[in-house]
Each structure stands twice: as structure tokens, then as C-alpha cells.
Amino acid sequence: TMYLQMNSLKPEDTAMYYCAAGFLSPGSGT
């Protein structure tokens, strides 16, 4: 499980939030 603790929330934080997982790309490091 991964978590996102969100404090001092602002109206501009309003959005749909998505989690994602994968592997580092060889060479690019992304």
C-alpha cells in the first residue's frame, strides 16, 4: 500500500488523484 498524506489543503488542490506504479526506463532513468 502507498499513501499520500495531504495537509493544509487549498482549493487549487481540487482534482482527481491517481496512483501509478511501474519500472524505471533503461537509459532515461524515468
All heavy atoms as atom14 arrays in JSON, in Angstrom:
{
  "sequence": "TMYLQMNSLKPEDTAMYYCAAGFLSPGSGT",
  "atom14_mask": [
    [1, 1, 1, 1, 1, 1, 1, 0, 0, 0, 0, 0, 0, 0],
    [1, 1, 1, 1, 1, 1, 1, 1, 0, 0, 0, 0, 0, 0],
    [1, 1, 1, 1, 1, 1, 1, 1, 1, 1, 1, 1, 0, 0],
    [1, 1, 1, 1, 1, 1, 1, 1, 0, 0, 0, 0, 0, 0],
    [1, 1, 1, 1, 1, 1, 1, 1, 1, 0, 0, 0, 0, 0],
    [1, 1, 1, 1, 1, 1, 1, 1, 0, 0, 0, 0, 0, 0],
    [1, 1, 1, 1, 1, 1, 1, 1, 0, 0, 0, 0, 0, 0],
    [1, 1, 1, 1, 1, 1, 0, 0, 0, 0, 0, 0, 0, 0],
    [1, 1, 1, 1, 1, 1, 1, 1, 0, 0, 0, 0, 0, 0],
    [1, 1, 1, 1, 1, 1, 1, 1, 1, 0, 0, 0, 0, 0],
    [1, 1, 1, 1, 1, 1, 1, 0, 0, 0, 0, 0, 0, 0],
    [1, 1, 1, 1, 1, 1, 1, 1, 1, 0, 0, 0, 0, 0],
    [1, 1, 1, 1, 1, 1, 1, 1, 0, 0, 0, 0, 0, 0],
    [1, 1, 1, 1, 1, 1, 1, 0, 0, 0, 0, 0, 0, 0],
    [1, 1, 1, 1, 1, 0, 0, 0, 0, 0, 0, 0, 0, 0],
    [1, 1, 1, 1, 1, 1, 1, 1, 0, 0, 0, 0, 0, 0],
    [1, 1, 1, 1, 1, 1, 1, 1, 1, 1, 1, 1, 0, 0],
    [1, 1, 1, 1, 1, 1, 1, 1, 1, 1, 1, 1, 0, 0],
    [1, 1, 1, 1, 1, 1, 0, 0, 0, 0, 0, 0, 0, 0],
    [1, 1, 1, 1, 1, 0, 0, 0, 0, 0, 0, 0, 0, 0],
    [1, 1, 1, 1, 1, 0, 0, 0, 0, 0, 0, 0, 0, 0],
    [1, 1, 1, 1, 0, 0, 0, 0, 0, 0, 0, 0, 0, 0],
    [1, 1, 1, 1, 1, 1, 1, 1, 1, 1, 1, 0, 0, 0],
    [1, 1, 1, 1, 1, 1, 1, 1, 0, 0, 0, 0, 0, 0],
    [1, 1, 1, 1, 1, 1, 0, 0, 0, 0, 0, 0, 0, 0],
    [1, 1, 1, 1, 1, 1, 1, 0, 0, 0, 0, 0, 0, 0],
    [1, 1, 1, 1, 0, 0, 0, 0, 0, 0, 0, 0, 0, 0],
    [1, 1, 1, 1, 1, 1, 0, 0, 0, 0, 0, 0, 0, 0],
    [1, 1, 1, 1, 0, 0, 0, 0, 0, 0, 0, 0, 0, 0],
    [1, 1, 1, 1, 1, 1, 1, 0, 0, 0, 0, 0, 0, 0]
  ],
  "atom14_positions": [
    [[0.83, -1.19, 0.0], [0.0, 0.0, 0.0], [0.87, 1.25, 0.0], [1.88, 1.32, 0.7], [-0.94, 0.02, 1.22], [-1.75, -1.16, 1.21], [-1.84, 1.24, 1.19], [0.0, 0.0, 0.0], [0.0, 0.0, 0.0], [0.0, 0.0, 0.0], [0.0, 0.0, 0.0], [0.0, 0.0, 0.0], [0.0, 0.0, 0.0], [0.0, 0.0, 0.0]],
    [[0.46, 2.23, -0.8], [1.12, 3.52, -0.85], [0.15, 4.57, -0.32], [-1.07, 4.44, -0.47], [1.52, 3.85, -2.29], [2.21, 5.18, -2.47], [2.79, 5.43, -4.18], [1.23, 5.47, -5.07], [0.0, 0.0, 0.0], [0.0, 0.0, 0.0], [0.0, 0.0, 0.0], [0.0, 0.0, 0.0], [0.0, 0.0, 0.0], [0.0, 0.0, 0.0]],
    [[0.7, 5.62, 0.29], [-0.13, 6.64, 0.91], [0.26, 8.04, 0.44], [1.4, 8.28, 0.05], [0.0, 6.59, 2.44], [-0.29, 5.24, 3.04], [0.75, 4.36, 3.31], [-1.59, 4.85, 3.33], [0.5, 3.11, 3.86], [-1.85, 3.61, 3.88], [-0.81, 2.75, 4.14], [-1.06, 1.51, 4.69], [0.0, 0.0, 0.0], [0.0, 0.0, 0.0]],
    [[-0.7, 8.93, 0.51], [-0.44, 10.34, 0.27], [-1.11, 11.12, 1.39], [-2.34, 11.23, 1.43], [-0.97, 10.8, -1.09], [-0.74, 12.27, -1.41], [0.76, 12.58, -1.49], [-1.43, 12.66, -2.72], [0.0, 0.0, 0.0], [0.0, 0.0, 0.0], [0.0, 0.0, 0.0], [0.0, 0.0, 0.0], [0.0, 0.0, 0.0], [0.0, 0.0, 0.0]],
    [[-0.3, 11.63, 2.31], [-0.81, 12.48, 3.38], [-0.88, 13.91, 2.87], [0.14, 14.46, 2.44], [0.09, 12.4, 4.61], [-0.36, 13.25, 5.78], [-1.68, 12.8, 6.36], [-1.88, 11.61, 6.61], [-2.6, 13.73, 6.56], [0.0, 0.0, 0.0], [0.0, 0.0, 0.0], [0.0, 0.0, 0.0], [0.0, 0.0, 0.0], [0.0, 0.0, 0.0]],
    [[-2.06, 14.49, 2.91], [-2.29, 15.81, 2.36], [-2.72, 16.74, 3.49], [-3.8, 16.57, 4.07], [-3.37, 15.77, 1.28], [-3.11, 14.69, 0.22], [-4.56, 14.35, -0.81], [-4.67, 15.88, -1.73], [0.0, 0.0, 0.0], [0.0, 0.0, 0.0], [0.0, 0.0, 0.0], [0.0, 0.0, 0.0], [0.0, 0.0, 0.0], [0.0, 0.0, 0.0]],
    [[-1.88, 17.71, 3.82], [-2.17, 18.67, 4.87], [-2.28, 20.07, 4.29], [-1.81, 20.35, 3.2], [-1.07, 18.65, 5.94], [-0.95, 17.32, 6.64], [-1.94, 16.62, 6.84], [0.27, 16.95, 7.04], [0.0, 0.0, 0.0], [0.0, 0.0, 0.0], [0.0, 0.0, 0.0], [0.0, 0.0, 0.0], [0.0, 0.0, 0.0], [0.0, 0.0, 0.0]],
    [[-2.89, 20.96, 5.06], [-3.05, 22.36, 4.65], [-3.61, 22.46, 3.24], [-3.1, 23.2, 2.39], [-1.7, 23.09, 4.74], [-1.18, 23.04, 6.06], [0.0, 0.0, 0.0], [0.0, 0.0, 0.0], [0.0, 0.0, 0.0], [0.0, 0.0, 0.0], [0.0, 0.0, 0.0], [0.0, 0.0, 0.0], [0.0, 0.0, 0.0], [0.0, 0.0, 0.0]],
    [[-4.66, 21.72, 2.99], [-5.24, 21.66, 1.65], [-5.78, 23.01, 1.2], [-6.31, 23.79, 2.01], [-6.35, 20.61, 1.61], [-5.84, 19.17, 1.56], [-6.95, 18.19, 1.93], [-5.3, 18.85, 0.17], [0.0, 0.0, 0.0], [0.0, 0.0, 0.0], [0.0, 0.0, 0.0], [0.0, 0.0, 0.0], [0.0, 0.0, 0.0], [0.0, 0.0, 0.0]],
    [[-5.62, 23.27, -0.08], [-6.07, 24.5, -0.71], [-7.09, 24.19, -1.8], [-7.08, 23.09, -2.35], [-4.88, 25.24, -1.33], [-3.75, 25.55, -0.36], [-2.57, 26.19, -1.09], [-1.43, 26.49, -0.14], [-0.28, 27.09, -0.86], [0.0, 0.0, 0.0], [0.0, 0.0, 0.0], [0.0, 0.0, 0.0], [0.0, 0.0, 0.0], [0.0, 0.0, 0.0]],
    [[-7.95, 25.15, -2.13], [-8.92, 24.9, -3.21], [-8.27, 24.46, -4.51], [-8.85, 23.65, -5.25], [-9.62, 26.26, -3.37], [-9.55, 26.85, -2.0], [-8.2, 26.44, -1.47], [0.0, 0.0, 0.0], [0.0, 0.0, 0.0], [0.0, 0.0, 0.0], [0.0, 0.0, 0.0], [0.0, 0.0, 0.0], [0.0, 0.0, 0.0], [0.0, 0.0, 0.0]],
    [[-7.07, 24.95, -4.81], [-6.38, 24.57, -6.03], [-5.89, 23.13, -6.02], [-5.41, 22.63, -7.04], [-5.21, 25.52, -6.33], [-4.28, 25.74, -5.15], [-4.6, 27.01, -4.38], [-5.8, 27.26, -4.12], [-3.66, 27.76, -4.05], [0.0, 0.0, 0.0], [0.0, 0.0, 0.0], [0.0, 0.0, 0.0], [0.0, 0.0, 0.0], [0.0, 0.0, 0.0]],
    [[-5.99, 22.44, -4.88], [-5.66, 21.02, -4.81], [-6.81, 20.16, -5.3], [-6.65, 18.94, -5.44], [-5.31, 20.61, -3.38], [-4.03, 21.27, -2.88], [-3.06, 21.37, -3.66], [-4.0, 21.67, -1.7], [0.0, 0.0, 0.0], [0.0, 0.0, 0.0], [0.0, 0.0, 0.0], [0.0, 0.0, 0.0], [0.0, 0.0, 0.0], [0.0, 0.0, 0.0]],
    [[-7.96, 20.76, -5.55], [-9.12, 20.01, -6.02], [-8.82, 19.35, -7.36], [-8.43, 20.01, -8.32], [-10.33, 20.94, -6.17], [-10.69, 21.46, -4.88], [-11.52, 20.19, -6.75], [0.0, 0.0, 0.0], [0.0, 0.0, 0.0], [0.0, 0.0, 0.0], [0.0, 0.0, 0.0], [0.0, 0.0, 0.0], [0.0, 0.0, 0.0], [0.0, 0.0, 0.0]],
    [[-8.97, 18.03, -7.4], [-8.65, 17.26, -8.61], [-8.99, 15.8, -8.37], [-9.3, 15.38, -7.26], [-7.17, 17.4, -8.96], [0.0, 0.0, 0.0], [0.0, 0.0, 0.0], [0.0, 0.0, 0.0], [0.0, 0.0, 0.0], [0.0, 0.0, 0.0], [0.0, 0.0, 0.0], [0.0, 0.0, 0.0], [0.0, 0.0, 0.0], [0.0, 0.0, 0.0]],
    [[-8.94, 15.04, -9.46], [-8.98, 13.6, -9.35], [-7.54, 13.12, -9.14], [-6.65, 13.5, -9.91], [-9.58, 12.97, -10.61], [-9.74, 11.46, -10.53], [-11.09, 10.96, -9.42], [-12.52, 11.41, -10.42], [0.0, 0.0, 0.0], [0.0, 0.0, 0.0], [0.0, 0.0, 0.0], [0.0, 0.0, 0.0], [0.0, 0.0, 0.0], [0.0, 0.0, 0.0]],
    [[-7.33, 12.32, -8.12], [-6.0, 11.85, -7.79], [-5.85, 10.38, -8.18], [-6.7, 9.55, -7.87], [-5.72, 12.02, -6.29], [-5.4, 13.44, -5.91], [-6.41, 14.41, -5.91], [-4.11, 13.83, -5.58], [-6.13, 15.72, -5.58], [-3.82, 15.13, -5.24], [-4.83, 16.08, -5.25], [-4.54, 17.38, -4.92], [0.0, 0.0, 0.0], [0.0, 0.0, 0.0]],
    [[-4.74, 10.06, -8.85], [-4.47, 8.73, -9.34], [-3.13, 8.23, -8.79], [-2.17, 8.98, -8.71], [-4.37, 8.7, -10.87], [-5.59, 9.2, -11.6], [-5.74, 10.54, -11.9], [-6.59, 8.32, -12.0], [-6.86, 11.0, -12.57], [-7.71, 8.76, -12.67], [-7.84, 10.11, -12.96], [-8.94, 10.56, -13.63], [0.0, 0.0, 0.0], [0.0, 0.0, 0.0]],
    [[-3.07, 6.96, -8.44], [-1.8, 6.36, -8.11], [-1.31, 5.54, -9.29], [-2.11, 5.07, -10.12], [-1.88, 5.5, -6.84], [-2.97, 4.06, -6.94], [0.0, 0.0, 0.0], [0.0, 0.0, 0.0], [0.0, 0.0, 0.0], [0.0, 0.0, 0.0], [0.0, 0.0, 0.0], [0.0, 0.0, 0.0], [0.0, 0.0, 0.0], [0.0, 0.0, 0.0]],
    [[0.0, 5.38, -9.39], [0.6, 4.67, -10.52], [1.86, 3.95, -10.06], [2.52, 4.36, -9.11], [0.93, 5.64, -11.65], [0.0, 0.0, 0.0], [0.0, 0.0, 0.0], [0.0, 0.0, 0.0], [0.0, 0.0, 0.0], [0.0, 0.0, 0.0], [0.0, 0.0, 0.0], [0.0, 0.0, 0.0], [0.0, 0.0, 0.0], [0.0, 0.0, 0.0]],
    [[2.2, 2.87, -10.77], [3.39, 2.1, -10.46], [3.98, 1.54, -11.74], [3.26, 1.29, -12.71], [3.07, 0.95, -9.5], [0.0, 0.0, 0.0], [0.0, 0.0, 0.0], [0.0, 0.0, 0.0], [0.0, 0.0, 0.0], [0.0, 0.0, 0.0], [0.0, 0.0, 0.0], [0.0, 0.0, 0.0], [0.0, 0.0, 0.0], [0.0, 0.0, 0.0]],
    [[5.29, 1.34, -11.75], [5.96, 0.79, -12.92], [7.43, 0.57, -12.66], [7.86, 0.43, -11.52], [0.0, 0.0, 0.0], [0.0, 0.0, 0.0], [0.0, 0.0, 0.0], [0.0, 0.0, 0.0], [0.0, 0.0, 0.0], [0.0, 0.0, 0.0], [0.0, 0.0, 0.0], [0.0, 0.0, 0.0], [0.0, 0.0, 0.0], [0.0, 0.0, 0.0]],
    [[8.2, 0.52, -13.74], [9.64, 0.3, -13.66], [10.39, 1.46, -14.3], [9.88, 2.12, -15.21], [10.03, -1.0, -14.37], [9.51, -2.25, -13.74], [8.42, -2.91, -14.26], [10.13, -2.77, -12.61], [7.94, -4.06, -13.69], [9.65, -3.93, -12.02], [8.56, -4.57, -12.56], [0.0, 0.0, 0.0], [0.0, 0.0, 0.0], [0.0, 0.0, 0.0]],
    [[11.6, 1.68, -13.83], [12.45, 2.69, -14.43], [12.79, 2.3, -15.86], [13.06, 1.15, -16.15], [13.73, 2.86, -13.63], [13.63, 3.54, -12.28], [14.98, 3.51, -11.58], [13.15, 4.98, -12.43], [0.0, 0.0, 0.0], [0.0, 0.0, 0.0], [0.0, 0.0, 0.0], [0.0, 0.0, 0.0], [0.0, 0.0, 0.0], [0.0, 0.0, 0.0]],
    [[12.79, 3.28, -16.75], [13.16, 3.06, -18.14], [14.68, 3.04, -18.26], [15.33, 3.98, -17.81], [12.58, 4.15, -19.03], [13.0, 3.99, -20.36], [0.0, 0.0, 0.0], [0.0, 0.0, 0.0], [0.0, 0.0, 0.0], [0.0, 0.0, 0.0], [0.0, 0.0, 0.0], [0.0, 0.0, 0.0], [0.0, 0.0, 0.0], [0.0, 0.0, 0.0]],
    [[15.24, 1.98, -18.87], [16.7, 1.94, -19.04], [17.19, 3.13, -19.85], [16.61, 3.49, -20.86], [16.93, 0.63, -19.81], [15.75, -0.21, -19.48], [14.61, 0.76, -19.38], [0.0, 0.0, 0.0], [0.0, 0.0, 0.0], [0.0, 0.0, 0.0], [0.0, 0.0, 0.0], [0.0, 0.0, 0.0], [0.0, 0.0, 0.0], [0.0, 0.0, 0.0]],
    [[18.26, 3.73, -19.38], [18.85, 4.85, -20.09], [18.33, 6.19, -19.63], [19.11, 7.06, -19.22], [0.0, 0.0, 0.0], [0.0, 0.0, 0.0], [0.0, 0.0, 0.0], [0.0, 0.0, 0.0], [0.0, 0.0, 0.0], [0.0, 0.0, 0.0], [0.0, 0.0, 0.0], [0.0, 0.0, 0.0], [0.0, 0.0, 0.0], [0.0, 0.0, 0.0]],
    [[17.02, 6.37, -19.72], [16.44, 7.67, -19.37], [16.36, 7.88, -17.87], [16.44, 9.02, -17.4], [15.04, 7.81, -19.99], [14.12, 6.91, -19.39], [0.0, 0.0, 0.0], [0.0, 0.0, 0.0], [0.0, 0.0, 0.0], [0.0, 0.0, 0.0], [0.0, 0.0, 0.0], [0.0, 0.0, 0.0], [0.0, 0.0, 0.0], [0.0, 0.0, 0.0]],
    [[16.2, 6.79, -17.13], [16.08, 6.91, -15.69], [14.72, 7.37, -15.22], [14.53, 7.62, -14.03], [0.0, 0.0, 0.0], [0.0, 0.0, 0.0], [0.0, 0.0, 0.0], [0.0, 0.0, 0.0], [0.0, 0.0, 0.0], [0.0, 0.0, 0.0], [0.0, 0.0, 0.0], [0.0, 0.0, 0.0], [0.0, 0.0, 0.0], [0.0, 0.0, 0.0]],
    [[13.77, 7.49, -16.14], [12.42, 7.9, -15.79], [11.53, 6.69, -15.62], [11.78, 5.62, -16.18], [11.83, 8.83, -16.86], [11.78, 8.15, -18.12], [12.68, 10.09, -17.0], [0.0, 0.0, 0.0], [0.0, 0.0, 0.0], [0.0, 0.0, 0.0], [0.0, 0.0, 0.0], [0.0, 0.0, 0.0], [0.0, 0.0, 0.0], [0.0, 0.0, 0.0]]
  ]
}
